Amino acid sequence: MSNGSLETNKPTEVIKTVGPAEILKVAGDVEPGTWTQRAGMRLAVGVGALAAFVTIAILVNWYRMLPQLPQISASTAPEVAQAAINNYKALNLEARDTAIQLFEAFVLRAIVPVFTSIVGFVLGVQAAAKEK
C-alpha cells in the first residue's frame, strides 16, 4: 500500500455447494428415524410452536394492557401528580402480574411438561433402538 492503492483480499479457497446426498455419504450409515420417532418429533415441533404462539399472544395481551403514561404538566398540583404516578405504577404492576400468571399457567405448567415428555419419549425410543 505504499503507492496509495487499495489492496483487495482475494479468496484462496473456492466455496463449494454440497447437497444432502454427499453429506450422507460422508456421514456414513445414517438411517431415518422410525415411524414413532418421526411422529414424536412432529408432535414435539407442534407443541413447541404452540408454546411460541401462546407466549406471543401473552406478550401482545400484556402490551395492550399497559397503561398510558400520565400527562403531568408543570402546573399540575404535586398531590395530583403523585396520585397519577402511583396509579400508573399500580396499573403497570397489574398488567405485568397478569402476564406472568398467564405465562406460568399456560406455558410453564401445561405446555412445557407435555413438550419435555414428548422429547423424552423420542430420545428414549432412539436410545432403545440403538441398543437393539
N, C-alpha and C. Protein backbone atom coordinates (compact mmCIF):
# COMPACT_ATOMS: atom_id res chain seq x y z
N MET A 1 0.82 -1.19 0.00
CA MET A 1 0.00 0.00 0.00
C MET A 1 0.86 1.25 0.00
N SER A 2 2.05 1.10 -0.44
CA SER A 2 2.95 2.24 -0.45
C SER A 2 2.58 3.24 -1.53
N ASN A 3 1.96 2.79 -2.63
CA ASN A 3 1.63 3.71 -3.70
C ASN A 3 0.23 4.31 -3.56
N GLY A 4 -0.45 4.06 -2.44
CA GLY A 4 -1.75 4.67 -2.21
C GLY A 4 -2.92 3.87 -2.76
N SER A 5 -2.68 2.78 -3.43
CA SER A 5 -3.80 1.98 -3.96
C SER A 5 -4.28 1.01 -2.90
N LEU A 6 -5.53 0.65 -2.99
CA LEU A 6 -6.11 -0.30 -2.04
C LEU A 6 -5.85 -1.72 -2.50
N GLU A 7 -5.45 -2.55 -1.58
CA GLU A 7 -5.27 -3.96 -1.90
C GLU A 7 -6.55 -4.69 -1.56
N THR A 8 -6.90 -5.65 -2.36
CA THR A 8 -8.10 -6.43 -2.07
C THR A 8 -7.69 -7.82 -1.64
N ASN A 9 -8.49 -8.36 -0.73
CA ASN A 9 -8.25 -9.73 -0.27
C ASN A 9 -8.93 -10.67 -1.24
N LYS A 10 -8.15 -11.52 -1.85
CA LYS A 10 -8.71 -12.49 -2.78
C LYS A 10 -8.84 -13.83 -2.07
N PRO A 11 -9.99 -14.48 -2.21
CA PRO A 11 -10.14 -15.78 -1.54
C PRO A 11 -9.19 -16.80 -2.16
N THR A 12 -8.60 -17.57 -1.28
CA THR A 12 -7.68 -18.60 -1.75
C THR A 12 -8.40 -19.92 -1.94
N GLU A 13 -9.57 -20.08 -1.34
CA GLU A 13 -10.33 -21.32 -1.47
C GLU A 13 -11.64 -21.04 -2.18
N VAL A 14 -12.08 -22.00 -2.94
CA VAL A 14 -13.36 -21.88 -3.63
C VAL A 14 -14.43 -22.52 -2.76
N ILE A 15 -15.54 -21.81 -2.60
CA ILE A 15 -16.65 -22.34 -1.80
C ILE A 15 -17.46 -23.28 -2.68
N LYS A 16 -17.70 -24.48 -2.18
CA LYS A 16 -18.42 -25.50 -2.93
C LYS A 16 -19.75 -25.78 -2.26
N THR A 17 -20.80 -25.82 -3.04
CA THR A 17 -22.11 -26.18 -2.53
C THR A 17 -22.22 -27.69 -2.44
N VAL A 18 -22.66 -28.15 -1.28
CA VAL A 18 -22.75 -29.59 -1.03
C VAL A 18 -24.21 -29.96 -0.82
N GLY A 19 -24.65 -31.00 -1.49
CA GLY A 19 -26.03 -31.46 -1.38
C GLY A 19 -26.19 -32.48 -0.28
N PRO A 20 -27.44 -32.81 0.05
CA PRO A 20 -27.71 -33.78 1.12
C PRO A 20 -27.13 -35.17 0.84
N ALA A 21 -27.14 -35.60 -0.42
CA ALA A 21 -26.63 -36.93 -0.75
C ALA A 21 -25.15 -37.04 -0.42
N GLU A 22 -24.40 -35.99 -0.72
CA GLU A 22 -22.96 -36.02 -0.44
C GLU A 22 -22.68 -35.98 1.06
N ILE A 23 -23.50 -35.25 1.79
CA ILE A 23 -23.34 -35.20 3.25
C ILE A 23 -23.60 -36.58 3.84
N LEU A 24 -24.64 -37.25 3.36
CA LEU A 24 -24.96 -38.58 3.87
C LEU A 24 -23.86 -39.59 3.53
N LYS A 25 -23.21 -39.42 2.37
CA LYS A 25 -22.10 -40.31 2.02
C LYS A 25 -20.95 -40.14 3.00
N VAL A 26 -20.66 -38.90 3.36
CA VAL A 26 -19.56 -38.63 4.28
C VAL A 26 -19.92 -39.08 5.68
N ALA A 27 -21.17 -38.89 6.09
CA ALA A 27 -21.59 -39.23 7.44
C ALA A 27 -21.65 -40.73 7.67
N GLY A 28 -21.75 -41.50 6.63
CA GLY A 28 -21.82 -42.95 6.79
C GLY A 28 -23.25 -43.42 6.80
N ASP A 29 -23.50 -44.48 7.54
CA ASP A 29 -24.84 -45.05 7.61
C ASP A 29 -25.74 -44.21 8.51
N VAL A 30 -26.49 -43.35 7.92
CA VAL A 30 -27.47 -42.56 8.67
C VAL A 30 -28.83 -43.08 8.27
N GLU A 31 -29.50 -43.66 9.24
CA GLU A 31 -30.81 -44.22 8.97
C GLU A 31 -31.88 -43.22 9.38
N PRO A 32 -32.93 -43.11 8.61
CA PRO A 32 -34.02 -42.23 9.05
C PRO A 32 -34.66 -42.81 10.30
N GLY A 33 -35.27 -41.94 11.08
CA GLY A 33 -35.91 -42.39 12.30
C GLY A 33 -37.07 -43.31 12.02
N THR A 34 -37.46 -44.04 13.04
CA THR A 34 -38.62 -44.92 12.91
C THR A 34 -39.88 -44.07 12.80
N TRP A 35 -40.97 -44.72 12.48
CA TRP A 35 -42.24 -44.00 12.38
C TRP A 35 -42.57 -43.34 13.71
N THR A 36 -42.33 -44.02 14.80
CA THR A 36 -42.62 -43.48 16.12
C THR A 36 -41.76 -42.25 16.41
N GLN A 37 -40.48 -42.32 16.04
CA GLN A 37 -39.60 -41.18 16.27
C GLN A 37 -40.02 -39.97 15.44
N ARG A 38 -40.36 -40.23 14.17
CA ARG A 38 -40.78 -39.12 13.31
C ARG A 38 -42.08 -38.51 13.81
N ALA A 39 -43.01 -39.35 14.24
CA ALA A 39 -44.28 -38.83 14.77
C ALA A 39 -44.04 -38.05 16.06
N GLY A 40 -43.17 -38.55 16.90
CA GLY A 40 -42.83 -37.84 18.14
C GLY A 40 -42.18 -36.50 17.86
N MET A 41 -41.30 -36.45 16.88
CA MET A 41 -40.65 -35.19 16.54
C MET A 41 -41.66 -34.20 15.98
N ARG A 42 -42.57 -34.68 15.14
CA ARG A 42 -43.61 -33.78 14.61
C ARG A 42 -44.49 -33.25 15.75
N LEU A 43 -44.81 -34.11 16.68
CA LEU A 43 -45.62 -33.70 17.82
C LEU A 43 -44.86 -32.69 18.68
N ALA A 44 -43.56 -32.93 18.88
CA ALA A 44 -42.74 -32.00 19.67
C ALA A 44 -42.65 -30.64 18.98
N VAL A 45 -42.50 -30.64 17.66
CA VAL A 45 -42.46 -29.38 16.92
C VAL A 45 -43.79 -28.65 17.05
N GLY A 46 -44.89 -29.40 16.97
CA GLY A 46 -46.21 -28.79 17.12
C GLY A 46 -46.41 -28.19 18.50
N VAL A 47 -46.00 -28.90 19.53
CA VAL A 47 -46.16 -28.40 20.90
C VAL A 47 -45.24 -27.19 21.10
N GLY A 48 -44.03 -27.24 20.55
CA GLY A 48 -43.13 -26.09 20.64
C GLY A 48 -43.69 -24.88 19.93
N ALA A 49 -44.29 -25.09 18.77
CA ALA A 49 -44.92 -23.98 18.05
C ALA A 49 -46.10 -23.43 18.83
N LEU A 50 -46.87 -24.31 19.47
CA LEU A 50 -47.98 -23.86 20.30
C LEU A 50 -47.47 -23.01 21.46
N ALA A 51 -46.38 -23.44 22.09
CA ALA A 51 -45.79 -22.67 23.19
C ALA A 51 -45.34 -21.29 22.70
N ALA A 52 -44.74 -21.24 21.52
CA ALA A 52 -44.31 -19.95 20.98
C ALA A 52 -45.51 -19.06 20.68
N PHE A 53 -46.57 -19.63 20.10
CA PHE A 53 -47.77 -18.87 19.79
C PHE A 53 -48.42 -18.33 21.06
N VAL A 54 -48.54 -19.17 22.07
CA VAL A 54 -49.16 -18.74 23.33
C VAL A 54 -48.32 -17.65 23.98
N THR A 55 -46.99 -17.80 23.94
CA THR A 55 -46.12 -16.78 24.52
C THR A 55 -46.28 -15.45 23.79
N ILE A 56 -46.34 -15.48 22.47
CA ILE A 56 -46.53 -14.24 21.71
C ILE A 56 -47.89 -13.63 22.02
N ALA A 57 -48.92 -14.46 22.13
CA ALA A 57 -50.26 -13.95 22.46
C ALA A 57 -50.27 -13.30 23.84
N ILE A 58 -49.57 -13.88 24.80
CA ILE A 58 -49.49 -13.31 26.14
C ILE A 58 -48.75 -11.98 26.11
N LEU A 59 -47.66 -11.91 25.33
CA LEU A 59 -46.92 -10.65 25.22
C LEU A 59 -47.75 -9.56 24.56
N VAL A 60 -48.52 -9.92 23.53
CA VAL A 60 -49.39 -8.94 22.88
C VAL A 60 -50.46 -8.47 23.87
N ASN A 61 -51.03 -9.38 24.62
CA ASN A 61 -52.03 -9.02 25.62
C ASN A 61 -51.42 -8.11 26.68
N TRP A 62 -50.22 -8.42 27.12
CA TRP A 62 -49.54 -7.57 28.11
C TRP A 62 -49.32 -6.17 27.56
N TYR A 63 -48.87 -6.09 26.31
CA TYR A 63 -48.61 -4.78 25.70
C TYR A 63 -49.90 -3.96 25.60
N ARG A 64 -51.00 -4.64 25.26
CA ARG A 64 -52.28 -3.94 25.15
C ARG A 64 -52.80 -3.48 26.51
N MET A 65 -52.41 -4.19 27.58
CA MET A 65 -52.87 -3.83 28.92
C MET A 65 -52.03 -2.73 29.57
N LEU A 66 -50.89 -2.40 29.00
CA LEU A 66 -50.04 -1.37 29.60
C LEU A 66 -50.76 -0.04 29.64
N PRO A 67 -50.71 0.64 30.77
CA PRO A 67 -51.37 1.95 30.85
C PRO A 67 -50.56 3.02 30.13
N GLN A 68 -51.25 4.07 29.73
CA GLN A 68 -50.56 5.20 29.13
C GLN A 68 -49.87 6.00 30.22
N LEU A 69 -48.78 6.65 29.85
CA LEU A 69 -48.08 7.49 30.80
C LEU A 69 -48.99 8.65 31.21
N PRO A 70 -48.98 9.00 32.49
CA PRO A 70 -49.83 10.12 32.91
C PRO A 70 -49.33 11.44 32.33
N GLN A 71 -50.25 12.28 31.96
CA GLN A 71 -49.92 13.60 31.42
C GLN A 71 -49.80 14.58 32.58
N ILE A 72 -48.58 14.88 32.95
CA ILE A 72 -48.33 15.77 34.07
C ILE A 72 -47.59 16.99 33.53
N SER A 73 -48.16 18.15 33.77
CA SER A 73 -47.52 19.39 33.32
C SER A 73 -46.93 20.11 34.53
N ALA A 74 -46.26 21.19 34.26
CA ALA A 74 -45.64 21.97 35.33
C ALA A 74 -46.69 22.59 36.24
N SER A 75 -47.87 22.82 35.72
CA SER A 75 -48.92 23.47 36.52
C SER A 75 -49.74 22.47 37.34
N THR A 76 -49.46 21.17 37.21
CA THR A 76 -50.20 20.16 37.96
C THR A 76 -49.80 20.21 39.42
N ALA A 77 -50.78 20.13 40.27
CA ALA A 77 -50.53 20.14 41.71
C ALA A 77 -49.72 18.91 42.10
N PRO A 78 -48.79 19.03 43.04
CA PRO A 78 -47.95 17.89 43.43
C PRO A 78 -48.75 16.68 43.91
N GLU A 79 -49.86 16.93 44.62
CA GLU A 79 -50.67 15.81 45.12
C GLU A 79 -51.33 15.06 43.95
N VAL A 80 -51.80 15.79 42.97
CA VAL A 80 -52.44 15.18 41.80
C VAL A 80 -51.40 14.42 40.98
N ALA A 81 -50.21 15.01 40.83
CA ALA A 81 -49.14 14.35 40.07
C ALA A 81 -48.72 13.06 40.76
N GLN A 82 -48.58 13.12 42.10
CA GLN A 82 -48.19 11.92 42.84
C GLN A 82 -49.26 10.84 42.74
N ALA A 83 -50.52 11.22 42.79
CA ALA A 83 -51.62 10.26 42.67
C ALA A 83 -51.62 9.63 41.28
N ALA A 84 -51.36 10.43 40.24
CA ALA A 84 -51.31 9.90 38.87
C ALA A 84 -50.15 8.93 38.71
N ILE A 85 -49.00 9.25 39.28
CA ILE A 85 -47.83 8.37 39.20
C ILE A 85 -48.10 7.06 39.95
N ASN A 86 -48.68 7.15 41.14
CA ASN A 86 -48.99 5.95 41.91
C ASN A 86 -50.00 5.07 41.18
N ASN A 87 -50.99 5.68 40.54
CA ASN A 87 -51.99 4.95 39.77
C ASN A 87 -51.32 4.26 38.58
N TYR A 88 -50.44 4.96 37.91
CA TYR A 88 -49.71 4.38 36.77
C TYR A 88 -48.88 3.17 37.23
N LYS A 89 -48.18 3.31 38.34
CA LYS A 89 -47.37 2.20 38.86
C LYS A 89 -48.24 0.99 39.19
N ALA A 90 -49.39 1.23 39.81
CA ALA A 90 -50.28 0.12 40.19
C ALA A 90 -50.82 -0.58 38.95
N LEU A 91 -51.23 0.20 37.94
CA LEU A 91 -51.75 -0.41 36.71
C LEU A 91 -50.65 -1.17 35.96
N ASN A 92 -49.45 -0.63 35.96
CA ASN A 92 -48.33 -1.30 35.31
C ASN A 92 -48.00 -2.62 35.99
N LEU A 93 -47.99 -2.62 37.32
CA LEU A 93 -47.74 -3.86 38.07
C LEU A 93 -48.84 -4.89 37.82
N GLU A 94 -50.09 -4.43 37.73
CA GLU A 94 -51.21 -5.33 37.47
C GLU A 94 -51.09 -5.98 36.09
N ALA A 95 -50.71 -5.19 35.10
CA ALA A 95 -50.53 -5.73 33.75
C ALA A 95 -49.39 -6.76 33.73
N ARG A 96 -48.29 -6.45 34.41
CA ARG A 96 -47.16 -7.37 34.45
C ARG A 96 -47.53 -8.66 35.19
N ASP A 97 -48.18 -8.52 36.32
CA ASP A 97 -48.55 -9.71 37.10
C ASP A 97 -49.53 -10.60 36.34
N THR A 98 -50.45 -10.00 35.61
CA THR A 98 -51.39 -10.78 34.80
C THR A 98 -50.66 -11.57 33.73
N ALA A 99 -49.71 -10.91 33.05
CA ALA A 99 -48.94 -11.60 32.00
C ALA A 99 -48.11 -12.74 32.60
N ILE A 100 -47.51 -12.50 33.74
CA ILE A 100 -46.70 -13.55 34.38
C ILE A 100 -47.59 -14.73 34.78
N GLN A 101 -48.75 -14.45 35.34
CA GLN A 101 -49.66 -15.52 35.75
C GLN A 101 -50.15 -16.33 34.55
N LEU A 102 -50.46 -15.65 33.45
CA LEU A 102 -50.89 -16.37 32.25
C LEU A 102 -49.76 -17.24 31.70
N PHE A 103 -48.55 -16.70 31.67
CA PHE A 103 -47.41 -17.47 31.17
C PHE A 103 -47.16 -18.70 32.04
N GLU A 104 -47.19 -18.50 33.35
CA GLU A 104 -46.98 -19.64 34.26
C GLU A 104 -48.08 -20.68 34.10
N ALA A 105 -49.32 -20.25 33.99
CA ALA A 105 -50.43 -21.19 33.92
C ALA A 105 -50.44 -21.97 32.62
N PHE A 106 -50.26 -21.30 31.51
CA PHE A 106 -50.39 -21.98 30.22
C PHE A 106 -49.08 -22.60 29.73
N VAL A 107 -48.00 -21.85 29.80
CA VAL A 107 -46.75 -22.35 29.21
C VAL A 107 -45.99 -23.22 30.20
N LEU A 108 -45.68 -22.68 31.37
CA LEU A 108 -44.83 -23.43 32.30
C LEU A 108 -45.51 -24.63 32.94
N ARG A 109 -46.80 -24.53 33.23
CA ARG A 109 -47.47 -25.63 33.92
C ARG A 109 -48.19 -26.60 32.99
N ALA A 110 -48.46 -26.19 31.75
CA ALA A 110 -49.21 -27.06 30.85
C ALA A 110 -48.39 -27.50 29.65
N ILE A 111 -47.80 -26.57 28.93
CA ILE A 111 -47.16 -26.91 27.67
C ILE A 111 -45.76 -27.48 27.86
N VAL A 112 -44.96 -26.88 28.74
CA VAL A 112 -43.58 -27.36 28.93
C VAL A 112 -43.53 -28.80 29.42
N PRO A 113 -44.34 -29.22 30.40
CA PRO A 113 -44.30 -30.64 30.79
C PRO A 113 -44.67 -31.59 29.65
N VAL A 114 -45.65 -31.20 28.83
CA VAL A 114 -46.02 -32.04 27.69
C VAL A 114 -44.87 -32.11 26.70
N PHE A 115 -44.24 -30.97 26.43
CA PHE A 115 -43.11 -30.92 25.50
C PHE A 115 -41.95 -31.78 25.98
N THR A 116 -41.60 -31.67 27.26
CA THR A 116 -40.48 -32.46 27.77
C THR A 116 -40.82 -33.95 27.78
N SER A 117 -42.07 -34.30 28.02
CA SER A 117 -42.47 -35.71 27.96
C SER A 117 -42.31 -36.27 26.55
N ILE A 118 -42.73 -35.49 25.57
CA ILE A 118 -42.62 -35.94 24.18
C ILE A 118 -41.16 -36.09 23.77
N VAL A 119 -40.34 -35.09 24.10
CA VAL A 119 -38.92 -35.16 23.75
C VAL A 119 -38.26 -36.32 24.49
N GLY A 120 -38.61 -36.53 25.75
CA GLY A 120 -38.07 -37.68 26.49
C GLY A 120 -38.47 -38.99 25.85
N PHE A 121 -39.70 -39.07 25.37
CA PHE A 121 -40.14 -40.28 24.68
C PHE A 121 -39.35 -40.51 23.41
N VAL A 122 -39.17 -39.46 22.61
CA VAL A 122 -38.44 -39.58 21.35
C VAL A 122 -36.99 -40.01 21.63
N LEU A 123 -36.36 -39.39 22.61
CA LEU A 123 -34.98 -39.75 22.93
C LEU A 123 -34.90 -41.15 23.51
N GLY A 124 -35.91 -41.55 24.29
CA GLY A 124 -35.93 -42.90 24.85
C GLY A 124 -36.09 -43.94 23.77
N VAL A 125 -36.96 -43.67 22.80
CA VAL A 125 -37.14 -44.60 21.67
C VAL A 125 -35.85 -44.68 20.87
N GLN A 126 -35.18 -43.56 20.71
CA GLN A 126 -33.94 -43.53 19.97
C GLN A 126 -32.86 -44.34 20.69
N ALA A 127 -32.77 -44.20 21.99
CA ALA A 127 -31.78 -44.96 22.76
C ALA A 127 -32.10 -46.45 22.72
N ALA A 128 -33.39 -46.79 22.81
CA ALA A 128 -33.77 -48.19 22.76
C ALA A 128 -33.47 -48.80 21.40
N ALA A 129 -33.65 -48.00 20.35
CA ALA A 129 -33.36 -48.51 19.00
C ALA A 129 -31.86 -48.74 18.80
N LYS A 130 -31.05 -47.92 19.43
CA LYS A 130 -29.60 -48.07 19.30
C LYS A 130 -29.11 -49.32 20.04
N GLU A 131 -29.79 -49.68 21.12
CA GLU A 131 -29.37 -50.85 21.90
C GLU A 131 -29.68 -52.16 21.19
N LYS A 132 -30.66 -52.17 20.28
CA LYS A 132 -31.05 -53.40 19.59
C LYS A 132 -30.06 -53.81 18.57
